[in-house]
Amino acid sequence: MFAVYASEPNAEKPLDSLVIGERPEPDVPEGWVRVNVKAASLNMHDLWTLRGVGIKPEQFPMILGCDGAGTLDDGTEVVVHSVINAPGWQGDDTLDPKRTLLTEKYQGTFAEQVVVPARNVVPKPSSLTFAEAATMGTAWLTAYRMLFVKSGLRPGQTMLVQGASGGVSTALVQLGRAAGFRVWVTGRSEEKRALAESLGAHQTFESGARLPERVDAVFETVGKATWSHSVKSLKPGGIIVVSGSTSGPDAHAELQRVFFLQLRIAGSTMGTRDELNDLLAYLELTGVRPQIGAELPFAEAETGFKNMLDGETSGKVVFTHSSEG
């Protein structure tokens, strides 16, 4: 079957390991289902896989893609939940110490077919296109959990999103505005800040700029480049919710400010199957739809990867097999 995959780990030149070609069709173990992929979205995780981070060398070649939407063999339209738990796990899906994501152990969604446990598919709302639904499982689910499960924010409070144009950032802006928060955003360029404003941000600022006042919560996916600004931007008792560190993980902790102002730092990773169902229902209720920056055929996947590597995204990059959307 047609697939987009990583041939081997390449830490320095990840795109050199990107292959667009043929892979064997997957077997379907008992208790698993085959999803005929209609659309799948690109995540930073896919670049890390190409670099060999979070995956053992013997796992290659690996079909890329954590997110996807498509149909079961009986025609049911579904969205893929990419957190795969150990058999028998009970409780929060994300806290399972033996959990794995698609592309870490099991082949991913950038193919004609993907095979996942039966519980890892949820019904796709008919109001969402396949392209829109394909953005939900990682970026939008991560944003939903950060905002509604981890932050403790109440409507009317002020949130700051570090970074204006990534998939999680754009989702946070749209979800936060719809939920009644005052949404502030930082961005490196005027174009990226304009995008955030078009999605509902009340105000935008240059990266590192002094804010008019301190905020109740900061949402971090950037890491080292913005961490100091995040800590300094919080009200006493405020919270930073962090789900990524694209600019590097080794930020200065600023512990004196953390303990003196009683700041809180909460990590957040992906989300549960139930939270994915709730997210999809929330979009149906509010009419909010994901910002898709580029929709490309799978055959042109390298263009999408290059844009992400260069930081030239404006929302989610989605790959499709057809014009069905």
C-alpha atoms as a PDB file:
ATOM      1  CA  MET A   1       0.000   0.000   0.000  1.00  0.00           C
ATOM      2  CA  PHE A   2       1.029   3.622  -0.485  1.00  0.00           C
ATOM      3  CA  ALA A   3       2.671   5.160   2.595  1.00  0.00           C
ATOM      4  CA  VAL A   4       4.864   7.978   3.880  1.00  0.00           C
ATOM      5  CA  TYR A   5       7.497   6.547   6.196  1.00  0.00           C
ATOM      6  CA  ALA A   6      10.836   6.982   7.929  1.00  0.00           C
ATOM      7  CA  SER A   7      13.462   4.606   6.559  1.00  0.00           C
ATOM      8  CA  GLU A   8      15.936   5.103   9.419  1.00  0.00           C
ATOM      9  CA  PRO A   9      16.747   7.612  12.169  1.00  0.00           C
ATOM     10  CA  ASN A  10      18.581  10.736  11.046  1.00  0.00           C
ATOM     11  CA  ALA A  11      19.183  13.231  13.849  1.00  0.00           C
ATOM     12  CA  GLU A  12      20.946  15.865  11.740  1.00  0.00           C
ATOM     13  CA  LYS A  13      19.030  15.698   8.439  1.00  0.00           C
ATOM     14  CA  PRO A  14      15.621  14.228   9.261  1.00  0.00           C
ATOM     15  CA  LEU A  15      14.106  14.807   5.817  1.00  0.00           C
ATOM     16  CA  ASP A  16      16.799  12.606   4.253  1.00  0.00           C
ATOM     17  CA  SER A  17      15.054   9.642   5.897  1.00  0.00           C
ATOM     18  CA  LEU A  18      11.589  10.552   4.600  1.00  0.00           C
ATOM     19  CA  VAL A  19      10.326   8.100   1.976  1.00  0.00           C
ATOM     20  CA  ILE A  20       7.139   8.240  -0.083  1.00  0.00           C
ATOM     21  CA  GLY A  21       6.526   4.766  -1.470  1.00  0.00           C
ATOM     22  CA  GLU A  22       5.058   1.339  -0.790  1.00  0.00           C
ATOM     23  CA  ARG A  23       4.749  -0.645   2.452  1.00  0.00           C
ATOM     24  CA  PRO A  24       3.057  -3.987   3.163  1.00  0.00           C
ATOM     25  CA  GLU A  25      -0.633  -3.921   4.032  1.00  0.00           C
ATOM     26  CA  PRO A  26      -1.108  -4.459   7.778  1.00  0.00           C
ATOM     27  CA  ASP A  27      -2.536  -7.541   9.425  1.00  0.00           C
ATOM     28  CA  VAL A  28      -5.501  -6.985  11.753  1.00  0.00           C
ATOM     29  CA  PRO A  29      -4.999  -8.707  15.137  1.00  0.00           C
ATOM     30  CA  GLU A  30      -7.981  -9.826  17.186  1.00  0.00           C
ATOM     31  CA  GLY A  31      -9.517  -6.846  18.977  1.00  0.00           C
ATOM     32  CA  TRP A  32      -8.064  -4.376  16.482  1.00  0.00           C
ATOM     33  CA  VAL A  33      -9.692  -2.657  13.503  1.00  0.00           C
ATOM     34  CA  ARG A  34      -8.564  -1.406  10.118  1.00  0.00           C
ATOM     35  CA  VAL A  35      -9.133   2.263   9.311  1.00  0.00           C
ATOM     36  CA  ASN A  36      -9.120   3.217   5.652  1.00  0.00           C
ATOM     37  CA  VAL A  37      -7.425   6.587   5.974  1.00  0.00           C
ATOM     38  CA  LYS A  38      -9.054   9.562   4.264  1.00  0.00           C
ATOM     39  CA  ALA A  39      -6.940  12.296   5.872  1.00  0.00           C
ATOM     40  CA  ALA A  40      -4.104  12.594   8.395  1.00  0.00           C
ATOM     41  CA  SER A  41      -2.354  15.593   9.916  1.00  0.00           C
ATOM     42  CA  LEU A  42       1.293  16.373  10.486  1.00  0.00           C
ATOM     43  CA  ASN A  43       2.717  16.933  13.972  1.00  0.00           C
ATOM     44  CA  MET A  44       6.097  17.891  15.359  1.00  0.00           C
ATOM     45  CA  HIS A  45       6.187  14.346  16.720  1.00  0.00           C
ATOM     46  CA  ASP A  46       6.676  13.118  13.138  1.00  0.00           C
ATOM     47  CA  LEU A  47       9.868  15.148  12.801  1.00  0.00           C
ATOM     48  CA  TRP A  48      11.106  13.745  16.109  1.00  0.00           C
ATOM     49  CA  THR A  49      10.438  10.249  14.790  1.00  0.00           C
ATOM     50  CA  LEU A  50      12.528  10.976  11.698  1.00  0.00           C
ATOM     51  CA  ARG A  51      15.294  12.102  14.043  1.00  0.00           C
ATOM     52  CA  GLY A  52      15.038   8.851  16.005  1.00  0.00           C
ATOM     53  CA  VAL A  53      13.681  10.389  19.224  1.00  0.00           C
ATOM     54  CA  GLY A  54      11.290   8.195  21.224  1.00  0.00           C
ATOM     55  CA  ILE A  55      11.704   5.223  18.914  1.00  0.00           C
ATOM     56  CA  LYS A  56      14.186   2.349  18.894  1.00  0.00           C
ATOM     57  CA  PRO A  57      16.388   1.884  15.803  1.00  0.00           C
ATOM     58  CA  GLU A  58      15.010  -1.609  15.246  1.00  0.00           C
ATOM     59  CA  GLN A  59      11.480  -0.148  14.858  1.00  0.00           C
ATOM     60  CA  PHE A  60      12.371   1.339  11.463  1.00  0.00           C
ATOM     61  CA  PRO A  61      11.074   1.542   8.812  1.00  0.00           C
ATOM     62  CA  MET A  62       8.131   3.296  10.485  1.00  0.00           C
ATOM     63  CA  ILE A  63       5.061   4.713   8.781  1.00  0.00           C
ATOM     64  CA  LEU A  64       4.627   8.216  10.149  1.00  0.00           C
ATOM     65  CA  GLY A  65       1.480   9.963  11.384  1.00  0.00           C
ATOM     66  CA  CYS A  66      -0.183  10.063  14.815  1.00  0.00           C
ATOM     67  CA  ASP A  67      -3.487  11.560  13.677  1.00  0.00           C
ATOM     68  CA  GLY A  68      -6.046  10.376  11.195  1.00  0.00           C
ATOM     69  CA  ALA A  69      -9.659  10.060  10.180  1.00  0.00           C
ATOM     70  CA  GLY A  70     -11.277   7.595   7.825  1.00  0.00           C
ATOM     71  CA  THR A  71     -13.696   4.712   7.565  1.00  0.00           C
ATOM     72  CA  LEU A  72     -13.931   1.230   9.009  1.00  0.00           C
ATOM     73  CA  ASP A  73     -14.494  -1.643   6.615  1.00  0.00           C
ATOM     74  CA  ASP A  74     -18.252  -1.330   7.210  1.00  0.00           C
ATOM     75  CA  GLY A  75     -18.179   2.343   6.192  1.00  0.00           C
ATOM     76  CA  THR A  76     -18.400   3.854   9.690  1.00  0.00           C
ATOM     77  CA  GLU A  77     -16.641   7.242   9.768  1.00  0.00           C
ATOM     78  CA  VAL A  78     -14.148   7.481  12.646  1.00  0.00           C
ATOM     79  CA  VAL A  79     -11.407   9.562  14.213  1.00  0.00           C
ATOM     80  CA  VAL A  80      -8.265   7.838  15.493  1.00  0.00           C
ATOM     81  CA  HIS A  81      -7.148   8.216  19.112  1.00  0.00           C
ATOM     82  CA  SER A  82      -3.416   7.625  18.970  1.00  0.00           C
ATOM     83  CA  VAL A  83      -2.647   6.817  22.646  1.00  0.00           C
ATOM     84  CA  ILE A  84      -2.421   3.021  22.743  1.00  0.00           C
ATOM     85  CA  ASN A  85      -2.590   1.528  26.212  1.00  0.00           C
ATOM     86  CA  ALA A  86      -1.261  -1.717  27.609  1.00  0.00           C
ATOM     87  CA  PRO A  87      -3.866  -4.514  27.661  1.00  0.00           C
ATOM     88  CA  GLY A  88      -6.032  -4.264  30.765  1.00  0.00           C
ATOM     89  CA  TRP A  89      -5.025  -0.714  31.683  1.00  0.00           C
ATOM     90  CA  GLN A  90      -7.655   1.122  33.736  1.00  0.00           C
ATOM     91  CA  GLY A  91      -7.771   4.854  34.420  1.00  0.00           C
ATOM     92  CA  ASP A  92      -6.425   7.930  32.653  1.00  0.00           C
ATOM     93  CA  ASP A  93      -5.088   6.759  29.282  1.00  0.00           C
ATOM     94  CA  THR A  94      -2.193   9.228  29.421  1.00  0.00           C
ATOM     95  CA  LEU A  95      -0.877   7.976  32.791  1.00  0.00           C
ATOM     96  CA  ASP A  96      -0.322   4.386  31.703  1.00  0.00           C
ATOM     97  CA  PRO A  97       3.454   3.875  32.120  1.00  0.00           C
ATOM     98  CA  LYS A  98       3.392   1.405  29.226  1.00  0.00           C
ATOM     99  CA  ARG A  99       1.348   3.603  26.886  1.00  0.00           C
ATOM    100  CA  THR A 100       2.686   4.329  23.440  1.00  0.00           C
ATOM    101  CA  LEU A 101       1.735   6.591  20.560  1.00  0.00           C
ATOM    102  CA  LEU A 102       1.310   5.562  16.980  1.00  0.00           C
ATOM    103  CA  THR A 103       4.720   5.732  15.222  1.00  0.00           C
ATOM    104  CA  GLU A 104       6.614   4.824  18.408  1.00  0.00           C
ATOM    105  CA  LYS A 105       5.848   1.098  18.346  1.00  0.00           C
ATOM    106  CA  TYR A 106       2.942   0.702  15.935  1.00  0.00           C
ATOM    107  CA  GLN A 107       2.782   1.935  12.342  1.00  0.00           C
ATOM    108  CA  GLY A 108       1.140   5.306  11.793  1.00  0.00           C
ATOM    109  CA  THR A 109      -1.617   6.949   9.768  1.00  0.00           C
ATOM    110  CA  PHE A 110       0.308   8.288   6.739  1.00  0.00           C
ATOM    111  CA  ALA A 111      -0.835   5.369   4.608  1.00  0.00           C
ATOM    112  CA  GLU A 112      -3.856   3.970   2.880  1.00  0.00           C
ATOM    113  CA  GLN A 113      -4.638   1.910   5.981  1.00  0.00           C
ATOM    114  CA  VAL A 114      -3.809   1.978   9.666  1.00  0.00           C
ATOM    115  CA  VAL A 115      -4.598  -0.716  12.251  1.00  0.00           C
ATOM    116  CA  VAL A 116      -5.431   0.258  15.855  1.00  0.00           C
ATOM    117  CA  PRO A 117      -7.177  -1.306  18.871  1.00  0.00           C
ATOM    118  CA  ALA A 118     -10.969  -1.135  18.522  1.00  0.00           C
ATOM    119  CA  ARG A 119     -11.233   1.297  21.455  1.00  0.00           C
ATOM    120  CA  ASN A 120      -8.892   3.696  19.648  1.00  0.00           C
ATOM    121  CA  VAL A 121     -11.503   4.849  17.176  1.00  0.00           C
ATOM    122  CA  VAL A 122     -14.359   7.210  18.026  1.00  0.00           C
ATOM    123  CA  PRO A 123     -17.273   8.244  15.818  1.00  0.00           C
ATOM    124  CA  LYS A 124     -16.603  11.207  13.524  1.00  0.00           C
ATOM    125  CA  PRO A 125     -19.305  13.884  13.688  1.00  0.00           C
ATOM    126  CA  SER A 126     -20.902  14.266  10.276  1.00  0.00           C
ATOM    127  CA  SER A 127     -20.454  18.038  10.512  1.00  0.00           C
ATOM    128  CA  LEU A 128     -16.657  17.672  10.426  1.00  0.00           C
ATOM    129  CA  THR A 129     -14.829  16.983   7.184  1.00  0.00           C
ATOM    130  CA  PHE A 130     -12.230  14.228   7.191  1.00  0.00           C
ATOM    131  CA  ALA A 131      -9.494  16.888   6.948  1.00  0.00           C
ATOM    132  CA  GLU A 132     -10.863  18.728   9.994  1.00  0.00           C
ATOM    133  CA  ALA A 133     -11.327  15.513  11.955  1.00  0.00           C
ATOM    134  CA  ALA A 134      -7.755  14.460  11.166  1.00  0.00           C
ATOM    135  CA  THR A 135      -6.395  17.350  13.262  1.00  0.00           C
ATOM    136  CA  MET A 136      -8.188  16.319  16.439  1.00  0.00           C
ATOM    137  CA  GLY A 137      -6.212  13.426  17.912  1.00  0.00           C
ATOM    138  CA  THR A 138      -2.973  15.184  18.813  1.00  0.00           C
ATOM    139  CA  ALA A 139      -2.887  18.993  18.484  1.00  0.00           C
ATOM    140  CA  TRP A 140      -6.503  19.725  19.300  1.00  0.00           C
ATOM    141  CA  LEU A 141      -6.778  17.045  21.958  1.00  0.00           C
ATOM    142  CA  THR A 142      -3.570  18.321  23.563  1.00  0.00           C
ATOM    143  CA  ALA A 143      -4.966  21.866  23.597  1.00  0.00           C
ATOM    144  CA  TYR A 144      -8.316  20.705  24.984  1.00  0.00           C
ATOM    145  CA  ARG A 145      -6.668  18.868  27.882  1.00  0.00           C
ATOM    146  CA  MET A 146      -4.296  21.764  28.616  1.00  0.00           C
ATOM    147  CA  LEU A 147      -7.132  24.256  28.741  1.00  0.00           C
ATOM    148  CA  PHE A 148     -10.056  22.394  30.267  1.00  0.00           C
ATOM    149  CA  VAL A 149      -8.442  19.624  32.318  1.00  0.00           C
ATOM    150  CA  LYS A 150      -5.147  21.072  33.519  1.00  0.00           C
ATOM    151  CA  SER A 151      -5.381  24.870  33.745  1.00  0.00           C
ATOM    152  CA  GLY A 152      -8.288  25.415  36.144  1.00  0.00           C
ATOM    153  CA  LEU A 153      -9.128  28.660  34.356  1.00  0.00           C
ATOM    154  CA  ARG A 154     -12.575  30.214  34.692  1.00  0.00           C
ATOM    155  CA  PRO A 155     -14.357  32.177  31.949  1.00  0.00           C
ATOM    156  CA  GLY A 156     -13.343  35.821  32.133  1.00  0.00           C
ATOM    157  CA  GLN A 157      -9.763  35.105  33.160  1.00  0.00           C
ATOM    158  CA  THR A 158      -6.757  35.881  30.974  1.00  0.00           C
ATOM    159  CA  MET A 159      -4.629  33.297  29.195  1.00  0.00           C
ATOM    160  CA  LEU A 160      -1.397  33.767  27.265  1.00  0.00           C
ATOM    161  CA  VAL A 161      -0.469  31.435  24.418  1.00  0.00           C
ATOM    162  CA  GLN A 162       3.239  31.396  23.562  1.00  0.00           C
ATOM    163  CA  GLY A 163       3.580  31.059  19.800  1.00  0.00           C
ATOM    164  CA  ALA A 164       0.908  32.102  17.359  1.00  0.00           C
ATOM    165  CA  SER A 165       0.808  29.685  14.458  1.00  0.00           C
ATOM    166  CA  GLY A 166       1.457  26.079  15.502  1.00  0.00           C
ATOM    167  CA  GLY A 167      -1.274  23.467  15.626  1.00  0.00           C
ATOM    168  CA  VAL A 168      -1.626  23.400  19.425  1.00  0.00           C
ATOM    169  CA  SER A 169      -1.369  27.199  19.647  1.00  0.00           C
ATOM    170  CA  THR A 170      -4.072  27.874  17.085  1.00  0.00           C
ATOM    171  CA  ALA A 171      -6.312  25.306  18.777  1.00  0.00           C
ATOM    172  CA  LEU A 172      -5.784  26.988  22.158  1.00  0.00           C
ATOM    173  CA  VAL A 173      -6.746  30.362  20.702  1.00  0.00           C
ATOM    174  CA  GLN A 174      -9.939  29.050  19.144  1.00  0.00           C
ATOM    175  CA  LEU A 175     -10.974  26.914  22.125  1.00  0.00           C
ATOM    176  CA  GLY A 176     -10.163  29.648  24.629  1.00  0.00           C
ATOM    177  CA  ARG A 177     -12.091  32.339  22.777  1.00  0.00           C
ATOM    178  CA  ALA A 178     -15.149  30.083  22.442  1.00  0.00           C
ATOM    179  CA  ALA A 179     -15.014  29.269  26.179  1.00  0.00           C
ATOM    180  CA  GLY A 180     -15.048  32.893  27.313  1.00  0.00           C
ATOM    181  CA  PHE A 181     -11.419  33.476  28.264  1.00  0.00           C
ATOM    182  CA  ARG A 182      -9.499  36.632  27.405  1.00  0.00           C
ATOM    183  CA  VAL A 183      -6.927  35.315  24.936  1.00  0.00           C
ATOM    184  CA  TRP A 184      -3.512  36.915  24.496  1.00  0.00           C
ATOM    185  CA  VAL A 185      -0.899  35.521  22.122  1.00  0.00           C
ATOM    186  CA  THR A 186       2.773  36.117  21.330  1.00  0.00           C
ATOM    187  CA  GLY A 187       4.190  35.673  17.856  1.00  0.00           C
ATOM    188  CA  ARG A 188       7.522  36.206  16.101  1.00  0.00           C
ATOM    189  CA  SER A 189       6.114  37.965  13.050  1.00  0.00           C
ATOM    190  CA  GLU A 190       3.326  40.341  12.178  1.00  0.00           C
ATOM    191  CA  GLU A 191       1.866  37.682   9.878  1.00  0.00           C
ATOM    192  CA  LYS A 192       1.699  35.083  12.650  1.00  0.00           C
ATOM    193  CA  ARG A 193       0.143  37.577  15.071  1.00  0.00           C
ATOM    194  CA  ALA A 194      -2.450  38.531  12.465  1.00  0.00           C
ATOM    195  CA  LEU A 195      -3.356  34.864  12.104  1.00  0.00           C
ATOM    196  CA  ALA A 196      -3.933  34.585  15.868  1.00  0.00           C
ATOM    197  CA  GLU A 197      -6.151  37.672  15.818  1.00  0.00           C
ATOM    198  CA  SER A 198      -8.172  36.271  12.917  1.00  0.00           C
ATOM    199  CA  LEU A 199      -8.781  33.124  15.007  1.00  0.00           C
ATOM    200  CA  GLY A 200     -10.087  35.085  17.976  1.00  0.00           C
ATOM    201  CA  ALA A 201      -7.131  36.389  20.018  1.00  0.00           C
ATOM    202  CA  HIS A 202      -8.120  39.583  21.845  1.00  0.00           C
ATOM    203  CA  GLN A 203      -4.568  40.950  21.732  1.00  0.00           C
ATOM    204  CA  THR A 204      -1.244  39.854  20.288  1.00  0.00           C
ATOM    205  CA  PHE A 205       2.310  40.828  21.201  1.00  0.00           C
ATOM    206  CA  GLU A 206       5.808  40.388  19.886  1.00  0.00           C
ATOM    207  CA  SER A 207       7.704  37.490  21.421  1.00  0.00           C
ATOM    208  CA  GLY A 208       9.084  38.523  24.813  1.00  0.00           C
ATOM    209  CA  ALA A 209       7.151  41.801  24.936  1.00  0.00           C
ATOM    210  CA  ARG A 210       6.101  43.282  28.257  1.00  0.00           C
ATOM    211  CA  LEU A 211       2.391  42.651  28.729  1.00  0.00           C
ATOM    212  CA  PRO A 212      -0.152  45.249  29.918  1.00  0.00           C
ATOM    213  CA  GLU A 213      -0.748  43.136  33.007  1.00  0.00           C
ATOM    214  CA  ARG A 214       0.056  39.689  34.321  1.00  0.00           C
ATOM    215  CA  VAL A 215      -2.072  36.735  33.292  1.00  0.00           C
ATOM    216  CA  ASP A 216      -3.799  33.868  35.054  1.00  0.00           C
ATOM    217  CA  ALA A 217      -2.304  31.114  32.897  1.00  0.00           C
ATOM    218  CA  VAL A 218       0.366  30.632  30.242  1.00  0.00           C
ATOM    219  CA  PHE A 219       0.256  27.827  27.693  1.00  0.00           C
ATOM    220  CA  GLU A 220       3.725  26.670  26.670  1.00  0.00           C
ATOM    221  CA  THR A 221       4.773  24.575  23.711  1.00  0.00           C
ATOM    222  CA  VAL A 222       7.910  26.545  22.767  1.00  0.00           C
ATOM    223  CA  GLY A 223      10.189  25.884  25.736  1.00  0.00           C
ATOM    224  CA  LYS A 224      13.604  27.471  26.187  1.00  0.00           C
ATOM    225  CA  ALA A 225      13.020  30.529  23.975  1.00  0.00           C
ATOM    226  CA  THR A 226       9.889  31.678  25.828  1.00  0.00           C
ATOM    227  CA  TRP A 227      10.115  30.105  29.286  1.00  0.00           C
ATOM    228  CA  SER A 228      11.506  33.142  31.123  1.00  0.00           C
ATOM    229  CA  HIS A 229       8.840  35.359  29.597  1.00  0.00           C
ATOM    230  CA  SER A 230       6.173  32.841  30.628  1.00  0.00           C
ATOM    231  CA  VAL A 231       7.307  32.818  34.247  1.00  0.00           C
ATOM    232  CA  LYS A 232       7.514  36.625  34.402  1.00  0.00           C
ATOM    233  CA  SER A 233       4.078  37.028  32.814  1.00  0.00           C
ATOM    234  CA  LEU A 234       2.149  35.156  35.522  1.00  0.00           C
ATOM    235  CA  LYS A 235       0.153  36.601  38.375  1.00  0.00           C
ATOM    236  CA  PRO A 236       1.040  35.293  41.859  1.00  0.00           C
ATOM    237  CA  GLY A 237      -0.475  31.827  42.109  1.00  0.00           C
ATOM    238  CA  GLY A 238      -0.796  31.528  38.325  1.00  0.00           C
ATOM    239  CA  ILE A 239      -0.140  28.413  36.300  1.00  0.00           C
ATOM    240  CA  ILE A 240       2.006  27.443  33.317  1.00  0.00           C
ATOM    241  CA  VAL A 241       0.671  24.451  31.408  1.00  0.00           C
ATOM    242  CA  VAL A 242       3.430  22.977  29.266  1.00  0.00           C
ATOM    243  CA  SER A 243       3.028  20.311  26.587  1.00  0.00           C
ATOM    244  CA  GLY A 244       6.125  20.822  24.463  1.00  0.00           C
ATOM    245  CA  SER A 245       9.527  22.432  24.057  1.00  0.00           C
ATOM    246  CA  THR A 246      10.125  22.945  20.348  1.00  0.00           C
ATOM    247  CA  SER A 247      12.943  25.451  20.928  1.00  0.00           C
ATOM    248  CA  GLY A 248      14.736  23.222  23.447  1.00  0.00           C
ATOM    249  CA  PRO A 249      13.976  21.677  26.848  1.00  0.00           C
ATOM    250  CA  ASP A 250      16.812  23.158  28.925  1.00  0.00           C
ATOM    251  CA  ALA A 251      15.214  26.422  30.064  1.00  0.00           C
ATOM    252  CA  HIS A 252      16.355  28.225  33.226  1.00  0.00           C
ATOM    253  CA  ALA A 253      13.841  27.210  35.896  1.00  0.00           C
ATOM    254  CA  GLU A 254      13.706  30.622  37.707  1.00  0.00           C
ATOM    255  CA  LEU A 255      12.909  28.769  40.913  1.00  0.00           C
ATOM    256  CA  GLN A 256      13.059  31.871  43.140  1.00  0.00           C
ATOM    257  CA  ARG A 257      10.206  33.454  41.217  1.00  0.00           C
ATOM    258  CA  VAL A 258       8.340  30.137  41.186  1.00  0.00           C
ATOM    259  CA  PHE A 259       8.367  29.636  44.952  1.00  0.00           C
ATOM    260  CA  PHE A 260       8.113  33.290  46.018  1.00  0.00           C
ATOM    261  CA  LEU A 261       5.048  33.935  43.824  1.00  0.00           C
ATOM    262  CA  GLN A 262       3.694  30.420  44.432  1.00  0.00           C
ATOM    263  CA  LEU A 263       3.496  29.718  40.730  1.00  0.00           C
ATOM    264  CA  ARG A 264       2.307  26.352  39.473  1.00  0.00           C
ATOM    265  CA  ILE A 265       3.738  24.344  36.579  1.00  0.00           C
ATOM    266  CA  ALA A 266       1.667  21.528  35.112  1.00  0.00           C
ATOM    267  CA  GLY A 267       2.770  19.097  32.457  1.00  0.00           C
ATOM    268  CA  SER A 268       0.238  17.881  29.935  1.00  0.00           C
ATOM    269  CA  THR A 269       0.521  15.124  27.337  1.00  0.00           C
ATOM    270  CA  MET A 270      -2.093  14.285  24.711  1.00  0.00           C
ATOM    271  CA  GLY A 271      -5.511  13.394  26.153  1.00  0.00           C
ATOM    272  CA  THR A 272      -7.835  10.497  26.890  1.00  0.00           C
ATOM    273  CA  ARG A 273     -10.328   8.788  24.612  1.00  0.00           C
ATOM    274  CA  ASP A 274     -13.172  10.311  26.653  1.00  0.00           C
ATOM    275  CA  GLU A 275     -11.633  13.767  26.277  1.00  0.00           C
ATOM    276  CA  LEU A 276     -11.448  13.239  22.506  1.00  0.00           C
ATOM    277  CA  ASN A 277     -15.172  12.438  22.502  1.00  0.00           C
ATOM    278  CA  ASP A 278     -15.826  15.559  24.573  1.00  0.00           C
ATOM    279  CA  LEU A 279     -13.705  17.679  22.227  1.00  0.00           C
ATOM    280  CA  LEU A 280     -15.652  16.490  19.196  1.00  0.00           C
ATOM    281  CA  ALA A 281     -18.938  17.250  20.981  1.00  0.00           C
ATOM    282  CA  TYR A 282     -17.617  20.706  21.928  1.00  0.00           C
ATOM    283  CA  LEU A 283     -16.880  21.510  18.295  1.00  0.00           C
ATOM    284  CA  GLU A 284     -20.369  20.396  17.326  1.00  0.00           C
ATOM    285  CA  LEU A 285     -21.896  22.620  20.007  1.00  0.00           C
ATOM    286  CA  THR A 286     -19.820  25.722  19.295  1.00  0.00           C
ATOM    287  CA  GLY A 287     -19.257  25.484  15.551  1.00  0.00           C
ATOM    288  CA  VAL A 288     -15.512  25.994  16.100  1.00  0.00           C
ATOM    289  CA  ARG A 289     -13.420  24.449  13.333  1.00  0.00           C
ATOM    290  CA  PRO A 290      -9.648  23.892  13.144  1.00  0.00           C
ATOM    291  CA  GLN A 291      -7.370  26.248  11.273  1.00  0.00           C
ATOM    292  CA  ILE A 292      -5.905  24.210   8.411  1.00  0.00           C
ATOM    293  CA  GLY A 293      -2.879  26.010   7.059  1.00  0.00           C
ATOM    294  CA  ALA A 294      -2.221  23.617   4.173  1.00  0.00           C
ATOM    295  CA  GLU A 295      -4.040  20.630   2.708  1.00  0.00           C
ATOM    296  CA  LEU A 296      -1.794  18.517   0.501  1.00  0.00           C
ATOM    297  CA  PRO A 297      -2.010  15.147  -1.228  1.00  0.00           C
ATOM    298  CA  PHE A 298       0.089  12.476   0.464  1.00  0.00           C
ATOM    299  CA  ALA A 299       2.343  12.404  -2.590  1.00  0.00           C
ATOM    300  CA  GLU A 300       3.457  15.957  -1.684  1.00  0.00           C
ATOM    301  CA  ALA A 301       4.085  15.183   1.982  1.00  0.00           C
ATOM    302  CA  GLU A 302       7.697  16.345   1.810  1.00  0.00           C
ATOM    303  CA  THR A 303       6.509  19.917   1.247  1.00  0.00           C
ATOM    304  CA  GLY A 304       4.512  19.816   4.462  1.00  0.00           C
ATOM    305  CA  PHE A 305       7.428  18.355   6.418  1.00  0.00           C
ATOM    306  CA  LYS A 306       9.781  21.021   5.091  1.00  0.00           C
ATOM    307  CA  ASN A 307       7.399  23.811   6.051  1.00  0.00           C
ATOM    308  CA  MET A 308       7.134  22.462   9.588  1.00  0.00           C
ATOM    309  CA  LEU A 309      10.891  22.040   9.866  1.00  0.00           C
ATOM    310  CA  ASP A 310      11.370  25.660   8.738  1.00  0.00           C
ATOM    311  CA  GLY A 311       8.646  26.983  11.065  1.00  0.00           C
ATOM    312  CA  GLU A 312       6.532  28.116   8.118  1.00  0.00           C
ATOM    313  CA  THR A 313       3.139  26.828   9.246  1.00  0.00           C
ATOM    314  CA  SER A 314      -0.105  28.722   9.802  1.00  0.00           C
ATOM    315  CA  GLY A 315      -2.259  26.098  11.472  1.00  0.00           C
ATOM    316  CA  LYS A 316      -2.393  22.388  10.793  1.00  0.00           C
ATOM    317  CA  VAL A 317      -0.827  20.650   7.790  1.00  0.00           C
ATOM    318  CA  VAL A 318      -3.189  17.942   6.545  1.00  0.00           C
ATOM    319  CA  PHE A 319      -2.516  15.212   3.996  1.00  0.00           C
ATOM    320  CA  THR A 320      -5.379  13.608   2.077  1.00  0.00           C
ATOM    321  CA  HIS A 321      -5.829  10.651  -0.264  1.00  0.00           C
ATOM    322  CA  SER A 322      -8.644  12.261  -2.215  1.00  0.00           C
ATOM    323  CA  SER A 323     -10.654  15.446  -2.631  1.00  0.00           C
ATOM    324  CA  GLU A 324     -13.251  14.242  -0.111  1.00  0.00           C
ATOM    325  CA  GLY A 325     -11.743  16.524   2.577  1.00  0.00           C
END
